[in-house]
Amino acid sequence: MTALLDDTDRAILRALVRDATLSSAALGAAVGLSQPVAWRRVRRLEEAGVLAGRRLDLDLAALGFGVTVFLGVKLAARGRLSLGDFERAITAIPEVQTVEHVLGLYDYRLRVVARDLADFERVLRRRILTLPGVGNVEANVLLSEERRPGPI
């Protein structure tokens, strides 16, 4: 579908990246289309898989989660634990926000949120390190984050 995107599709995507809650009328007005045409274009982008969903961006600090930690996890013994088993176990931990299977020094990169460092230590010791197959773990505490939309 990428090759089939025209300038109007890209304008629609840029507008939705800024505000995914735009109605089709507001979206159409923003990109110079009528409401029905904007709706049909969004629908076509959804059907083609270009728009895979819309997400809510929560302020974690306002919700009481003041610490974000990125964990690199190296599995100890691949033969005794399948990657699928690890992924199912780690995604069952609510503080683990993302699980990324990566190539490099670690097998997985996790984004973990906690109320504070003591809470993170509890999650790490009682939930993550007790999972079967977990070997080396490296933690990096997030100090600040700048979000930038991807290239469209």
Protein backbone atom coordinates (compact mmCIF):
# COMPACT_ATOMS: atom_id res chain seq x y z
CA MET A 1 0.00 0.00 0.00
CA THR A 2 2.93 2.40 0.62
CA ALA A 3 3.44 3.01 -3.08
CA LEU A 4 -0.25 3.76 -3.45
CA LEU A 5 -0.29 6.57 -0.89
CA ASP A 6 -0.79 9.94 -2.49
CA ASP A 7 -0.23 13.41 -1.01
CA THR A 8 -3.80 13.53 0.32
CA ASP A 9 -3.35 10.19 2.11
CA ARG A 10 -0.15 11.50 3.68
CA ALA A 11 -1.90 14.71 4.75
CA ILE A 12 -4.67 12.62 6.35
CA LEU A 13 -2.09 10.52 8.21
CA ARG A 14 -0.22 13.62 9.44
CA ALA A 15 -3.48 15.14 10.70
CA LEU A 16 -4.45 11.91 12.49
CA VAL A 17 -1.00 11.62 14.08
CA ARG A 18 -1.56 15.08 15.58
CA ASP A 19 -5.11 14.26 16.72
CA ALA A 20 -6.57 10.78 16.20
CA THR A 21 -9.94 11.92 17.56
CA LEU A 22 -10.74 14.16 14.58
CA SER A 23 -14.18 13.55 13.13
CA SER A 24 -14.27 12.88 9.40
CA ALA A 25 -15.78 16.36 8.93
CA ALA A 26 -12.93 18.04 10.85
CA LEU A 27 -10.39 15.86 9.10
CA GLY A 28 -11.84 16.73 5.72
CA ALA A 29 -11.74 20.44 6.55
CA ALA A 30 -8.11 20.12 7.66
CA VAL A 31 -6.99 18.49 4.40
CA GLY A 32 -9.40 20.13 1.95
CA LEU A 33 -11.88 17.29 1.44
CA SER A 34 -15.59 16.85 2.02
CA GLN A 35 -16.67 14.77 5.01
CA PRO A 36 -17.76 11.75 2.92
CA VAL A 37 -14.54 11.70 0.90
CA ALA A 38 -12.42 11.99 4.07
CA TRP A 39 -14.39 9.15 5.67
CA ARG A 40 -13.93 6.92 2.61
CA ARG A 41 -10.19 7.62 2.49
CA VAL A 42 -9.76 6.80 6.19
CA ARG A 43 -11.78 3.63 5.71
CA ARG A 44 -9.57 2.63 2.75
CA LEU A 45 -6.41 3.27 4.83
CA GLU A 46 -7.85 1.09 7.62
CA GLU A 47 -8.78 -1.73 5.23
CA ALA A 48 -5.30 -1.63 3.69
CA GLY A 49 -3.73 -1.93 7.15
CA VAL A 50 -2.02 1.46 7.01
CA LEU A 51 -4.13 2.63 9.96
CA ALA A 52 -3.85 -0.21 12.44
CA GLY A 53 -5.72 1.45 15.30
CA ARG A 54 -5.92 4.54 17.41
CA ARG A 55 -4.37 4.86 20.82
CA LEU A 56 -4.93 6.94 23.87
CA ASP A 57 -1.81 8.71 25.18
CA LEU A 58 -1.93 8.66 28.98
CA ASP A 59 0.13 10.86 31.29
CA LEU A 60 1.70 8.14 33.41
CA ALA A 61 3.07 10.57 36.00
CA ALA A 62 -0.41 12.04 36.52
CA LEU A 63 -1.67 8.49 37.09
CA GLY A 64 0.95 7.89 39.78
CA PHE A 65 3.57 6.07 37.70
CA GLY A 66 6.61 8.31 38.09
CA VAL A 67 9.29 5.88 36.92
CA THR A 68 9.80 4.29 33.52
CA VAL A 69 12.57 1.74 33.09
CA PHE A 70 13.78 0.02 29.95
CA LEU A 71 14.99 -3.50 30.66
CA GLY A 72 17.23 -5.55 28.45
CA VAL A 73 16.53 -9.23 29.17
CA LYS A 74 18.78 -12.07 28.05
CA LEU A 75 17.19 -15.49 28.39
CA ALA A 76 19.38 -18.03 30.17
CA ALA A 77 18.50 -21.23 28.36
CA ARG A 78 16.51 -21.12 25.16
CA GLY A 79 16.13 -24.92 25.00
CA ARG A 80 14.11 -25.18 28.21
CA LEU A 81 11.79 -22.26 27.56
CA SER A 82 10.22 -21.24 24.30
CA LEU A 83 10.15 -17.58 23.35
CA GLY A 84 6.36 -17.78 23.21
CA ASP A 85 6.22 -19.01 26.81
CA PHE A 86 8.38 -16.10 27.96
CA GLU A 87 6.31 -13.60 25.97
CA ARG A 88 3.05 -14.90 27.45
CA ALA A 89 4.46 -14.75 30.99
CA ILE A 90 5.99 -11.28 30.66
CA THR A 91 2.90 -9.73 29.02
CA ALA A 92 0.81 -10.94 31.98
CA ILE A 93 2.68 -8.46 34.22
CA PRO A 94 0.63 -5.23 34.14
CA GLU A 95 3.61 -2.94 34.76
CA VAL A 96 5.27 -4.19 31.57
CA GLN A 97 4.00 -1.80 28.91
CA THR A 98 5.87 -3.09 25.86
CA VAL A 99 7.71 -6.29 24.99
CA GLU A 100 10.05 -6.12 22.01
CA HIS A 101 11.92 -9.16 20.72
CA VAL A 102 15.23 -7.72 19.52
CA LEU A 103 18.49 -8.78 17.93
CA GLY A 104 21.66 -7.91 19.78
CA LEU A 105 23.07 -8.16 23.28
CA TYR A 106 19.65 -8.93 24.78
CA ASP A 107 16.76 -11.06 23.57
CA TYR A 108 14.03 -8.67 24.75
CA ARG A 109 13.60 -4.99 25.46
CA LEU A 110 10.85 -4.17 27.95
CA ARG A 111 9.28 -0.87 28.94
CA VAL A 112 8.24 -1.09 32.59
CA VAL A 113 6.37 1.55 34.59
CA ALA A 114 6.29 1.83 38.36
CA ARG A 115 5.17 4.28 41.03
CA ASP A 116 8.75 4.87 42.20
CA LEU A 117 12.10 3.08 42.33
CA ALA A 118 11.08 0.96 45.31
CA ASP A 119 7.98 -0.17 43.40
CA PHE A 120 10.14 -0.95 40.35
CA GLU A 121 12.49 -3.03 42.52
CA ARG A 122 9.48 -5.00 43.81
CA VAL A 123 8.24 -5.66 40.25
CA LEU A 124 11.72 -6.65 39.13
CA ARG A 125 12.47 -8.99 42.03
CA ARG A 126 9.06 -10.57 42.55
CA ARG A 127 7.68 -10.70 39.04
CA ILE A 128 10.31 -10.40 36.33
CA LEU A 129 13.35 -12.15 37.81
CA THR A 130 11.21 -15.07 38.99
CA LEU A 131 10.12 -15.94 35.45
CA PRO A 132 11.69 -19.14 34.18
CA GLY A 133 14.47 -18.62 31.69
CA VAL A 134 15.42 -15.08 32.70
CA GLY A 135 19.20 -14.70 32.68
CA ASN A 136 20.93 -11.33 32.51
CA VAL A 137 18.93 -8.14 32.99
CA GLU A 138 20.07 -4.56 32.42
CA ALA A 139 17.98 -1.58 33.54
CA ASN A 140 17.98 1.94 32.11
CA VAL A 141 15.83 4.53 33.88
CA LEU A 142 14.08 7.02 31.59
CA LEU A 143 15.03 10.59 32.47
CA SER A 144 13.08 12.43 29.77
CA GLU A 145 11.30 11.66 26.54
CA GLU A 146 10.66 13.61 23.37
CA ARG A 147 8.06 12.14 21.07
CA ARG A 148 8.31 12.72 17.38
CA PRO A 149 5.96 11.41 14.75
CA GLY A 150 7.48 9.10 12.21
CA PRO A 151 8.12 10.04 8.61
CA ILE A 152 4.93 10.35 6.58
